[in-house]
N, C-alpha and C. Protein backbone atom coordinates (compact mmCIF):
# COMPACT_ATOMS: atom_id res chain seq x y z
N MET A 1 -21.48 3.55 46.58
CA MET A 1 -20.61 4.45 46.97
C MET A 1 -19.79 5.25 46.01
N THR A 2 -20.23 6.04 45.59
CA THR A 2 -19.49 6.76 44.48
C THR A 2 -17.94 7.76 44.30
N THR A 3 -17.02 7.04 43.70
CA THR A 3 -16.19 7.82 43.83
C THR A 3 -15.92 9.03 42.74
N TYR A 4 -15.30 10.07 43.09
CA TYR A 4 -15.23 11.46 42.60
C TYR A 4 -13.66 11.43 42.60
N VAL A 5 -13.41 12.20 41.37
CA VAL A 5 -12.10 12.73 40.64
C VAL A 5 -12.39 14.12 40.38
N MET A 6 -11.28 14.77 40.73
CA MET A 6 -10.88 16.34 39.89
C MET A 6 -10.47 16.41 38.68
N ARG A 7 -11.73 17.15 37.66
CA ARG A 7 -10.93 17.38 36.29
C ARG A 7 -11.09 18.89 36.45
N ASN A 8 -10.31 19.59 35.74
CA ASN A 8 -10.58 21.11 35.58
C ASN A 8 -11.63 21.73 36.62
N SER A 9 -10.99 21.67 37.82
CA SER A 9 -11.24 22.14 38.83
C SER A 9 -12.48 21.81 39.88
N ALA A 10 -13.22 20.69 39.35
CA ALA A 10 -14.21 20.59 39.74
C ALA A 10 -13.89 18.74 39.86
N LEU A 11 -15.25 18.36 41.20
CA LEU A 11 -14.98 17.01 41.68
C LEU A 11 -16.27 16.56 40.42
N VAL A 12 -15.79 15.31 39.91
CA VAL A 12 -17.04 14.46 38.71
C VAL A 12 -16.94 12.82 39.08
N ASP A 13 -17.77 12.37 38.61
CA ASP A 13 -17.98 10.93 39.04
C ASP A 13 -16.76 10.17 38.44
N LYS A 14 -16.09 9.48 38.73
CA LYS A 14 -15.12 8.63 38.10
C LYS A 14 -14.98 7.65 37.03
N ARG A 15 -16.30 7.50 37.16
CA ARG A 15 -17.20 6.43 36.00
C ARG A 15 -17.33 7.55 34.42
N SER A 16 -17.73 8.63 35.04
CA SER A 16 -18.10 8.96 34.12
C SER A 16 -17.03 9.89 33.00
N VAL A 17 -16.11 10.06 33.41
CA VAL A 17 -14.95 10.66 32.74
C VAL A 17 -13.56 9.56 32.40
N PRO A 18 -12.93 9.82 31.72
CA PRO A 18 -11.95 8.76 30.97
C PRO A 18 -10.39 9.24 32.14
N PRO A 19 -10.13 8.07 32.26
CA PRO A 19 -8.52 8.09 32.87
C PRO A 19 -7.74 9.66 32.53
N ARG A 20 -6.89 9.93 33.20
CA ARG A 20 -6.26 10.95 32.84
C ARG A 20 -4.85 10.20 32.28
N GLY A 21 -4.13 10.90 30.94
CA GLY A 21 -3.38 10.37 30.06
C GLY A 21 -4.40 9.16 28.95
N ALA A 22 -5.10 9.16 29.13
CA ALA A 22 -5.75 8.00 28.13
C ALA A 22 -5.19 8.47 26.98
N GLY A 23 -4.53 6.97 26.18
CA GLY A 23 -4.03 7.12 24.96
C GLY A 23 -3.07 7.33 25.33
N ARG A 24 -2.17 7.45 26.31
CA ARG A 24 -0.59 7.51 26.81
C ARG A 24 -0.40 6.37 27.57
N SER A 25 1.00 6.10 27.35
CA SER A 25 1.67 4.94 28.33
C SER A 25 2.60 4.79 28.33
N PRO A 26 3.40 4.53 29.88
CA PRO A 26 4.77 4.93 29.57
C PRO A 26 5.23 3.51 28.84
N HIS A 27 6.45 3.61 28.11
CA HIS A 27 7.04 3.10 27.34
C HIS A 27 8.71 2.19 28.58
N VAL A 28 8.51 1.52 28.05
CA VAL A 28 9.88 0.62 28.79
C VAL A 28 11.04 0.06 27.32
N ILE A 29 12.22 0.74 27.60
CA ILE A 29 13.01 0.44 26.16
C ILE A 29 13.90 -0.85 26.98
N SER A 30 13.77 -2.24 26.51
CA SER A 30 15.15 -2.96 27.47
C SER A 30 16.18 -2.46 27.12
N ASP A 31 17.12 -3.35 28.38
CA ASP A 31 18.52 -3.25 28.12
C ASP A 31 19.21 -3.82 26.77
N ILE A 32 20.55 -3.02 26.55
CA ILE A 32 20.88 -3.64 25.45
C ILE A 32 21.49 -5.11 25.69
N ALA A 33 22.13 -5.76 24.77
CA ALA A 33 22.94 -6.81 24.65
C ALA A 33 24.49 -6.48 24.98
N PRO A 34 25.46 -6.70 26.05
CA PRO A 34 26.03 -6.66 26.10
C PRO A 34 27.37 -6.85 25.01
N PHE A 35 28.13 -5.92 24.75
CA PHE A 35 29.27 -5.77 23.90
C PHE A 35 30.61 -5.61 23.49
N THR A 36 31.71 -5.23 22.73
CA THR A 36 33.05 -5.12 23.09
C THR A 36 33.05 -4.09 21.94
N THR A 37 33.63 -2.92 22.53
CA THR A 37 33.71 -1.88 21.49
C THR A 37 34.85 -2.27 20.43
N GLN A 38 35.23 -1.35 19.59
CA GLN A 38 36.65 -1.42 18.48
C GLN A 38 37.62 -1.40 19.31
N ASP A 39 37.97 -0.20 20.62
CA ASP A 39 38.87 0.08 21.62
C ASP A 39 39.17 -1.44 22.39
N GLY A 40 38.04 -2.29 22.54
CA GLY A 40 38.29 -2.78 23.84
C GLY A 40 37.21 -3.30 25.36
N THR A 41 36.44 -2.25 24.92
CA THR A 41 35.71 -1.37 26.34
C THR A 41 34.71 -2.75 26.08
N ALA A 42 34.32 -2.90 27.57
CA ALA A 42 32.76 -3.93 27.19
C ALA A 42 32.09 -2.95 27.55
N ILE A 43 31.12 -2.95 26.88
CA ILE A 43 29.78 -2.66 26.96
C ILE A 43 29.04 -2.94 27.68
N THR A 44 28.11 -2.93 28.82
CA THR A 44 27.06 -3.78 29.30
C THR A 44 25.76 -3.35 29.49
N SER A 45 25.52 -2.03 29.01
CA SER A 45 24.29 -1.48 29.63
C SER A 45 23.91 -0.28 28.80
N ARG A 46 22.85 0.45 28.76
CA ARG A 46 22.50 2.00 27.81
C ARG A 46 23.38 2.73 28.95
N ALA A 47 23.03 2.53 30.37
CA ALA A 47 23.90 3.40 30.86
C ALA A 47 25.77 4.00 30.47
N ALA A 48 26.17 2.43 30.35
CA ALA A 48 27.75 2.48 30.03
C ALA A 48 27.52 2.77 28.83
N LEU A 49 26.81 2.69 27.70
CA LEU A 49 27.23 3.35 26.10
C LEU A 49 27.34 4.68 26.17
N ARG A 50 26.02 5.22 27.23
CA ARG A 50 26.12 6.74 26.96
C ARG A 50 27.48 7.40 27.87
N ASP A 51 27.79 6.73 29.04
CA ASP A 51 29.30 7.23 29.41
C ASP A 51 30.17 7.13 28.69
N TYR A 52 30.28 6.00 27.62
CA TYR A 52 31.35 5.50 26.80
C TYR A 52 31.44 6.81 25.62
N GLU A 53 30.50 6.75 25.09
CA GLU A 53 29.52 8.15 24.24
C GLU A 53 30.20 9.15 24.89
N ARG A 54 29.79 9.83 26.15
CA ARG A 54 30.39 10.86 26.82
C ARG A 54 31.78 11.37 26.74
N ALA A 55 32.63 9.70 27.11
CA ALA A 55 33.85 10.42 27.70
C ALA A 55 34.58 10.27 26.49
N ASN A 56 34.09 9.70 24.89
CA ASN A 56 35.09 10.06 23.84
C ASN A 56 34.16 10.93 23.45
N GLY A 57 33.62 11.55 23.65
CA GLY A 57 32.90 12.51 22.96
C GLY A 57 32.03 12.26 21.24
N VAL A 58 31.18 11.31 21.00
CA VAL A 58 30.83 10.90 19.71
C VAL A 58 29.30 10.31 20.54
N ARG A 59 28.32 10.15 19.06
CA ARG A 59 27.07 9.37 19.56
C ARG A 59 26.54 9.15 18.53
N GLN A 60 25.57 8.30 18.75
CA GLN A 60 24.89 7.77 17.46
C GLN A 60 23.98 8.24 16.42
N VAL A 61 24.20 8.27 15.41
CA VAL A 61 23.16 9.13 14.74
C VAL A 61 22.24 8.53 14.08
N GLY A 62 21.86 6.93 13.75
CA GLY A 62 20.88 6.09 13.43
C GLY A 62 20.64 6.19 12.18
N THR A 63 21.77 6.10 11.42
CA THR A 63 22.10 5.95 9.79
C THR A 63 22.64 4.25 9.84
N ASP A 64 22.31 3.49 11.17
CA ASP A 64 23.17 2.18 10.77
C ASP A 64 22.19 1.15 10.42
N TRP A 65 22.60 0.68 9.78
CA TRP A 65 21.58 -1.00 9.46
C TRP A 65 22.16 -2.41 9.95
N THR A 66 21.73 -2.99 10.07
CA THR A 66 22.07 -4.28 10.77
C THR A 66 22.07 -5.48 9.34
N GLY A 67 20.72 -4.83 8.64
CA GLY A 67 20.14 -5.79 7.89
C GLY A 67 20.95 -6.06 6.63
N SER A 68 20.66 -7.27 5.52
CA SER A 68 22.12 -7.61 4.32
C SER A 68 21.69 -6.73 3.38
N GLU A 69 20.60 -6.58 3.76
CA GLU A 69 20.42 -5.09 2.68
C GLU A 69 20.09 -3.79 2.60
N ARG A 70 20.70 -2.90 1.92
CA ARG A 70 20.71 -1.39 2.38
C ARG A 70 19.14 -0.99 2.54
N PRO A 71 18.78 -0.11 3.62
CA PRO A 71 17.93 0.23 3.46
C PRO A 71 17.30 1.23 2.55
N LYS A 72 15.96 1.70 2.94
CA LYS A 72 15.63 2.31 1.33
C LYS A 72 16.28 4.00 1.22
N PHE A 73 16.49 4.89 2.26
CA PHE A 73 16.90 6.10 2.13
C PHE A 73 18.11 6.03 1.56
N TRP A 74 19.31 4.71 1.42
CA TRP A 74 20.61 4.48 1.18
C TRP A 74 20.88 5.32 0.24
N GLU A 75 20.23 4.85 -1.07
CA GLU A 75 20.51 5.07 -2.30
C GLU A 75 20.01 6.51 -2.64
N ARG A 76 19.44 7.10 -2.38
CA ARG A 76 18.98 8.61 -2.32
C ARG A 76 20.27 9.67 -1.66
N ARG A 77 20.53 8.85 -0.66
CA ARG A 77 21.77 9.68 -0.44
C ARG A 77 22.84 9.56 -0.88
N LEU A 78 23.32 8.36 -1.40
CA LEU A 78 24.61 8.44 -2.39
C LEU A 78 24.22 9.48 -3.24
N ALA A 79 22.71 9.21 -3.69
CA ALA A 79 22.88 10.06 -5.23
C ALA A 79 23.05 11.86 -4.91
N GLY A 80 22.63 11.90 -3.49
CA GLY A 80 22.89 13.32 -3.41
C GLY A 80 23.95 13.60 -3.07
N GLU A 81 25.49 12.54 -2.50
CA GLU A 81 26.67 12.90 -2.58
C GLU A 81 27.05 12.84 -3.21
N ARG A 82 26.83 12.37 -4.20
CA ARG A 82 27.62 12.43 -5.61
C ARG A 82 27.55 13.52 -6.35
N THR A 83 26.02 14.16 -6.41
CA THR A 83 26.20 15.54 -6.79
C THR A 83 26.53 16.64 -6.38
N GLY A 84 26.53 16.19 -4.77
CA GLY A 84 27.06 17.48 -4.27
C GLY A 84 26.07 18.27 -3.51
N GLY A 85 24.47 18.06 -3.90
CA GLY A 85 23.77 18.28 -2.80
C GLY A 85 23.13 17.29 -1.40
N ARG A 86 22.16 18.02 -1.04
CA ARG A 86 21.60 17.64 0.24
C ARG A 86 20.71 16.87 0.19
N SER A 87 20.34 15.69 0.68
CA SER A 87 19.47 14.56 0.62
C SER A 87 19.32 13.97 1.48
N ARG A 88 18.09 13.91 1.73
CA ARG A 88 17.70 13.65 3.17
C ARG A 88 16.65 12.45 2.90
N PRO A 89 16.56 11.43 4.41
CA PRO A 89 15.95 10.29 3.98
C PRO A 89 14.38 10.66 4.14
């Protein structure tokens, strides 16, 4: 038995068309590890982090790093700040 699906307002054989959203898939980001902020607040989830940031009027900007070496953009940024110009990563 043939199965039909709607594509562009027409019924077509399901086997003859790619699935909707081909090439796209949902992304799931795992929760963060619990940590304590500098003021002693325990953050146990992404939702708690969003609430904490909202309550304190802060947000993350994504220029932090956790490794032992500076990221590639850092030297360019320092050079731009020293000369007074703007440097983008």
